[in-house]
C-alpha atoms as a PDB file:
ATOM      1  CA  MET A   1      63.944 104.269 101.229  1.00  0.00           C
ATOM      2  CA  PRO A   2      64.850 107.082  98.787  1.00  0.00           C
ATOM      3  CA  ALA A   3      62.287 109.527 100.131  1.00  0.00           C
ATOM      4  CA  THR A   4      63.818 109.517 103.633  1.00  0.00           C
ATOM      5  CA  ILE A   5      67.353 110.039 102.358  1.00  0.00           C
ATOM      6  CA  PHE A   6      66.527 112.701  99.806  1.00  0.00           C
ATOM      7  CA  GLY A   7      63.158 114.146 100.931  1.00  0.00           C
ATOM      8  CA  TRP A   8      59.686 113.856  99.395  1.00  0.00           C
ATOM      9  CA  ARG A   9      60.474 116.195  96.479  1.00  0.00           C
ATOM     10  CA  SER A  10      63.374 113.983  95.595  1.00  0.00           C
ATOM     11  CA  GLY A  11      61.000 111.037  95.383  1.00  0.00           C
ATOM     12  CA  VAL A  12      59.343 112.772  92.457  1.00  0.00           C
ATOM     13  CA  VAL A  13      62.720 113.569  90.899  1.00  0.00           C
ATOM     14  CA  ILE A  14      63.841 109.952  91.348  1.00  0.00           C
ATOM     15  CA  PHE A  15      60.650 108.758  89.690  1.00  0.00           C
ATOM     16  CA  VAL A  16      61.235 111.053  86.709  1.00  0.00           C
ATOM     17  CA  PHE A  17      64.928 110.052  86.574  1.00  0.00           C
ATOM     18  CA  SER A  18      63.885 106.398  86.532  1.00  0.00           C
ATOM     19  CA  ALA A  19      61.391 107.142  83.775  1.00  0.00           C
ATOM     20  CA  ALA A  20      64.162 108.904  81.828  1.00  0.00           C
ATOM     21  CA  LEU A  21      66.370 105.855  82.346  1.00  0.00           C
ATOM     22  CA  MET A  22      63.694 103.541  81.021  1.00  0.00           C
ATOM     23  CA  PHE A  23      62.917 105.917  78.144  1.00  0.00           C
ATOM     24  CA  SER A  24      66.553 106.095  77.136  1.00  0.00           C
ATOM     25  CA  ALA A  25      66.883 102.324  77.399  1.00  0.00           C
ATOM     26  CA  CYS A  26      63.778 101.710  75.332  1.00  0.00           C
ATOM     27  CA  SER A  27      64.006 104.301  72.602  1.00  0.00           C
ATOM     28  CA  VAL A  28      66.008 105.097  69.546  1.00  0.00           C
ATOM     29  CA  PRO A  29      68.293 108.043  70.347  1.00  0.00           C
ATOM     30  CA  GLY A  30      66.535 111.394  69.939  1.00  0.00           C
ATOM     31  CA  GLY A  31      67.519 113.483  66.955  1.00  0.00           C
ATOM     32  CA  GLY A  32      68.454 110.473  64.839  1.00  0.00           C
ATOM     33  CA  ARG A  33      71.090 107.816  65.204  1.00  0.00           C
ATOM     34  CA  VAL A  34      74.764 108.541  65.334  1.00  0.00           C
ATOM     35  CA  ILE A  35      76.192 106.524  62.467  1.00  0.00           C
ATOM     36  CA  GLY A  36      79.528 104.762  62.539  1.00  0.00           C
ATOM     37  CA  GLY A  37      81.587 102.878  65.051  1.00  0.00           C
ATOM     38  CA  GLN A  38      81.107  99.610  66.810  1.00  0.00           C
ATOM     39  CA  LEU A  39      79.001  98.906  69.846  1.00  0.00           C
ATOM     40  CA  VAL A  40      80.933  99.200  73.093  1.00  0.00           C
ATOM     41  CA  GLN A  41      80.781  97.163  76.280  1.00  0.00           C
ATOM     42  CA  ILE A  42      80.332  98.806  79.681  1.00  0.00           C
ATOM     43  CA  SER A  43      83.902  97.759  80.574  1.00  0.00           C
ATOM     44  CA  GLU A  44      85.250  99.815  77.638  1.00  0.00           C
ATOM     45  CA  LEU A  45      83.866 103.119  78.925  1.00  0.00           C
ATOM     46  CA  PRO A  46      86.291 105.501  80.618  1.00  0.00           C
ATOM     47  CA  ILE A  47      86.326 105.608  84.414  1.00  0.00           C
ATOM     48  CA  TYR A  48      86.209 108.960  86.156  1.00  0.00           C
ATOM     49  CA  PRO A  49      89.524 109.745  87.917  1.00  0.00           C
ATOM     50  CA  GLY A  50      89.465 108.686  91.559  1.00  0.00           C
ATOM     51  CA  ALA A  51      86.364 106.519  91.089  1.00  0.00           C
ATOM     52  CA  THR A  52      86.243 103.105  92.751  1.00  0.00           C
ATOM     53  CA  LEU A  53      83.968 100.334  91.469  1.00  0.00           C
ATOM     54  CA  VAL A  54      81.247  99.370  93.954  1.00  0.00           C
ATOM     55  CA  ASP A  55      79.268  96.143  93.958  1.00  0.00           C
ATOM     56  CA  PRO A  56      75.665  97.156  93.130  1.00  0.00           C
ATOM     57  CA  ASP A  57      74.401  95.243  96.188  1.00  0.00           C
ATOM     58  CA  ALA A  58      76.841  97.167  98.423  1.00  0.00           C
ATOM     59  CA  SER A  59      75.834 100.532  96.993  1.00  0.00           C
ATOM     60  CA  GLN A  60      74.237 102.713  99.656  1.00  0.00           C
ATOM     61  CA  ILE A  61      73.156 105.626  97.447  1.00  0.00           C
ATOM     62  CA  ILE A  62      72.603 104.725  93.774  1.00  0.00           C
ATOM     63  CA  GLY A  63      71.746 101.074  94.396  1.00  0.00           C
ATOM     64  CA  PRO A  64      68.533 101.678  96.342  1.00  0.00           C
ATOM     65  CA  LEU A  65      67.389 104.116  93.649  1.00  0.00           C
ATOM     66  CA  PHE A  66      68.204 102.192  90.469  1.00  0.00           C
ATOM     67  CA  ASN A  67      69.102  98.519  91.110  1.00  0.00           C
ATOM     68  CA  ASP A  68      65.541  97.252  90.617  1.00  0.00           C
ATOM     69  CA  ALA A  69      65.159  99.059  87.278  1.00  0.00           C
ATOM     70  CA  GLN A  70      68.572  97.844  86.122  1.00  0.00           C
ATOM     71  CA  ARG A  71      67.801  94.220  86.950  1.00  0.00           C
ATOM     72  CA  GLN A  72      64.475  94.019  85.141  1.00  0.00           C
ATOM     73  CA  ALA A  73      64.446  91.674  82.181  1.00  0.00           C
ATOM     74  CA  PRO A  74      65.544  93.385  78.970  1.00  0.00           C
ATOM     75  CA  PRO A  75      62.452  94.838  77.315  1.00  0.00           C
ATOM     76  CA  PHE A  76      61.351  93.933  73.829  1.00  0.00           C
ATOM     77  CA  ILE A  77      60.006  97.162  72.375  1.00  0.00           C
ATOM     78  CA  GLY A  78      58.545  96.098  69.070  1.00  0.00           C
ATOM     79  CA  LEU A  79      59.902  96.378  65.548  1.00  0.00           C
ATOM     80  CA  GLY A  80      62.347  93.635  66.454  1.00  0.00           C
ATOM     81  CA  ILE A  81      64.271  95.860  68.866  1.00  0.00           C
ATOM     82  CA  GLU A  82      65.447  94.241  72.072  1.00  0.00           C
ATOM     83  CA  VAL A  83      67.296  96.234  74.722  1.00  0.00           C
ATOM     84  CA  ASP A  84      70.223  94.897  76.734  1.00  0.00           C
ATOM     85  CA  LYS A  85      71.314  96.859  79.812  1.00  0.00           C
ATOM     86  CA  ALA A  86      74.555  96.889  81.767  1.00  0.00           C
ATOM     87  CA  TYR A  87      75.664  99.215  84.511  1.00  0.00           C
ATOM     88  CA  HIS A  88      78.516 100.032  86.864  1.00  0.00           C
ATOM     89  CA  ILE A  89      78.389 101.975  90.104  1.00  0.00           C
ATOM     90  CA  PHE A  90      81.422 103.870  91.363  1.00  0.00           C
ATOM     91  CA  GLN A  91      82.158 105.692  94.587  1.00  0.00           C
ATOM     92  CA  VAL A  92      83.661 109.087  93.724  1.00  0.00           C
ATOM     93  CA  PRO A  93      85.504 111.615  95.894  1.00  0.00           C
ATOM     94  CA  GLN A  94      83.193 113.871  97.915  1.00  0.00           C
ATOM     95  CA  ALA A  95      84.470 117.025  96.198  1.00  0.00           C
ATOM     96  CA  THR A  96      83.314 115.703  92.796  1.00  0.00           C
ATOM     97  CA  THR A  97      80.762 117.842  90.976  1.00  0.00           C
ATOM     98  CA  PHE A  98      78.461 116.735  88.199  1.00  0.00           C
ATOM     99  CA  ALA A  99      79.882 119.564  86.079  1.00  0.00           C
ATOM    100  CA  ALA A 100      83.362 118.016  86.403  1.00  0.00           C
ATOM    101  CA  ILE A 101      81.997 114.570  85.529  1.00  0.00           C
ATOM    102  CA  LYS A 102      80.219 115.996  82.498  1.00  0.00           C
ATOM    103  CA  VAL A 103      83.376 117.734  81.249  1.00  0.00           C
ATOM    104  CA  PHE A 104      85.417 114.536  81.705  1.00  0.00           C
ATOM    105  CA  TYR A 105      82.897 112.356  79.886  1.00  0.00           C
ATOM    106  CA  ALA A 106      82.116 114.940  77.171  1.00  0.00           C
ATOM    107  CA  ASP A 107      85.770 114.955  76.175  1.00  0.00           C
ATOM    108  CA  LYS A 108      86.120 111.163  76.180  1.00  0.00           C
ATOM    109  CA  LEU A 109      82.731 110.356  74.673  1.00  0.00           C
ATOM    110  CA  GLN A 110      82.685 112.964  71.892  1.00  0.00           C
ATOM    111  CA  SER A 111      86.055 111.766  70.621  1.00  0.00           C
ATOM    112  CA  ALA A 112      84.559 108.244  70.415  1.00  0.00           C
ATOM    113  CA  GLY A 113      81.505 109.374  68.414  1.00  0.00           C
ATOM    114  CA  TRP A 114      79.013 109.886  71.255  1.00  0.00           C
ATOM    115  CA  ARG A 115      76.799 112.961  71.537  1.00  0.00           C
ATOM    116  CA  GLU A 116      74.575 114.262  74.276  1.00  0.00           C
ATOM    117  CA  ASP A 117      70.922 113.429  73.583  1.00  0.00           C
ATOM    118  CA  GLY A 118      69.317 116.814  72.852  1.00  0.00           C
ATOM    119  CA  GLY A 119      65.776 115.988  73.935  1.00  0.00           C
ATOM    120  CA  MET A 120      66.833 114.338  77.169  1.00  0.00           C
ATOM    121  CA  LYS A 121      69.328 117.153  77.853  1.00  0.00           C
ATOM    122  CA  VAL A 122      66.460 119.640  78.176  1.00  0.00           C
ATOM    123  CA  LEU A 123      64.545 117.396  80.588  1.00  0.00           C
ATOM    124  CA  LEU A 124      67.573 116.426  82.661  1.00  0.00           C
ATOM    125  CA  THR A 125      68.828 120.017  82.883  1.00  0.00           C
ATOM    126  CA  GLN A 126      65.497 120.925  84.474  1.00  0.00           C
ATOM    127  CA  LEU A 127      65.641 117.921  86.816  1.00  0.00           C
ATOM    128  CA  ASN A 128      69.262 118.619  87.739  1.00  0.00           C
ATOM    129  CA  ALA A 129      68.278 122.178  88.735  1.00  0.00           C
ATOM    130  CA  THR A 130      65.608 120.889  91.132  1.00  0.00           C
ATOM    131  CA  ASN A 131      67.778 118.414  93.035  1.00  0.00           C
ATOM    132  CA  PRO A 132      71.498 118.902  93.628  1.00  0.00           C
ATOM    133  CA  ASN A 133      71.652 115.428  95.213  1.00  0.00           C
ATOM    134  CA  LEU A 134      70.742 113.588  91.996  1.00  0.00           C
ATOM    135  CA  GLN A 135      72.264 114.785  88.720  1.00  0.00           C
ATOM    136  CA  GLY A 136      72.259 113.095  85.319  1.00  0.00           C
ATOM    137  CA  GLY A 137      72.911 113.213  81.605  1.00  0.00           C
ATOM    138  CA  ILE A 138      72.270 110.905  78.633  1.00  0.00           C
ATOM    139  CA  TRP A 139      74.638 110.297  75.723  1.00  0.00           C
ATOM    140  CA  VAL A 140      73.917 108.341  72.521  1.00  0.00           C
ATOM    141  CA  ARG A 141      76.026 106.575  69.893  1.00  0.00           C
ATOM    142  CA  VAL A 142      75.183 104.049  67.178  1.00  0.00           C
ATOM    143  CA  ASP A 143      72.447 101.953  68.831  1.00  0.00           C
ATOM    144  CA  GLN A 144      73.417 102.681  72.419  1.00  0.00           C
ATOM    145  CA  SER A 145      72.395 105.096  75.165  1.00  0.00           C
ATOM    146  CA  LEU A 146      74.512 105.944  78.196  1.00  0.00           C
ATOM    147  CA  LEU A 147      73.031 107.410  81.366  1.00  0.00           C
ATOM    148  CA  LEU A 148      75.441 109.135  83.751  1.00  0.00           C
ATOM    149  CA  ALA A 149      73.909 109.675  87.201  1.00  0.00           C
ATOM    150  CA  LEU A 150      75.630 111.185  90.239  1.00  0.00           C
ATOM    151  CA  ALA A 151      73.876 110.802  93.591  1.00  0.00           C
ATOM    152  CA  THR A 152      74.964 112.422  96.841  1.00  0.00           C
ATOM    153  CA  ASP A 153      73.894 111.336 100.305  1.00  0.00           C
ATOM    154  CA  PRO A 154      73.094 114.710 101.938  1.00  0.00           C
ATOM    155  CA  ARG A 155      73.760 113.302 105.430  1.00  0.00           C
ATOM    156  CA  THR A 156      77.293 112.041 104.782  1.00  0.00           C
ATOM    157  CA  GLY A 157      78.367 113.815 101.593  1.00  0.00           C
ATOM    158  CA  ASN A 158      79.296 110.439 100.073  1.00  0.00           C
ATOM    159  CA  GLN A 159      78.743 110.213  96.334  1.00  0.00           C
ATOM    160  CA  GLU A 160      78.187 107.449  93.818  1.00  0.00           C
ATOM    161  CA  LEU A 161      78.288 107.611  90.037  1.00  0.00           C
ATOM    162  CA  MET A 162      76.347 105.196  87.841  1.00  0.00           C
ATOM    163  CA  LEU A 163      77.129 104.475  84.198  1.00  0.00           C
ATOM    164  CA  SER A 164      74.131 102.691  82.667  1.00  0.00           C
ATOM    165  CA  LEU A 165      74.578 101.434  79.105  1.00  0.00           C
ATOM    166  CA  ALA A 166      71.565 100.368  77.047  1.00  0.00           C
ATOM    167  CA  THR A 167      72.132  98.622  73.720  1.00  0.00           C
ATOM    168  CA  HIS A 168      69.145  98.767  71.352  1.00  0.00           C
END
């Protein structure tokens, strides 16, 4: 159960993170769409150096927090917009920081036409400050949103990174 691993305050943070995930999956990117480029598949996204793909069912950190939300049927949000979701979970080295992940992905994503979602950046910056064990950021491009989430098990120091891609 997330609350026992991360504490009761983290339960609130996880709830808000999940809400942010669903919001990003079900909304048009804040600040307007980024025009140009083709839609990408989850397999086309860069992989953080040293990261190892983990089966979502074998995930001990991210899986219990997000697998249920990721496996829900794609929502139909009106105006003819249907959302398809795909995600990968990676184990990353224990010394990995979210700041390092953000720098790596900012470089790779910006050169491919992605930008950090301004509205979600404000919310997630506040959430990231309240819980060092669950950090996240949302990027947008064309009709897609990408959630990066790094979770740390405070007991073991093990870390997992989730890339969650929503296509609108």
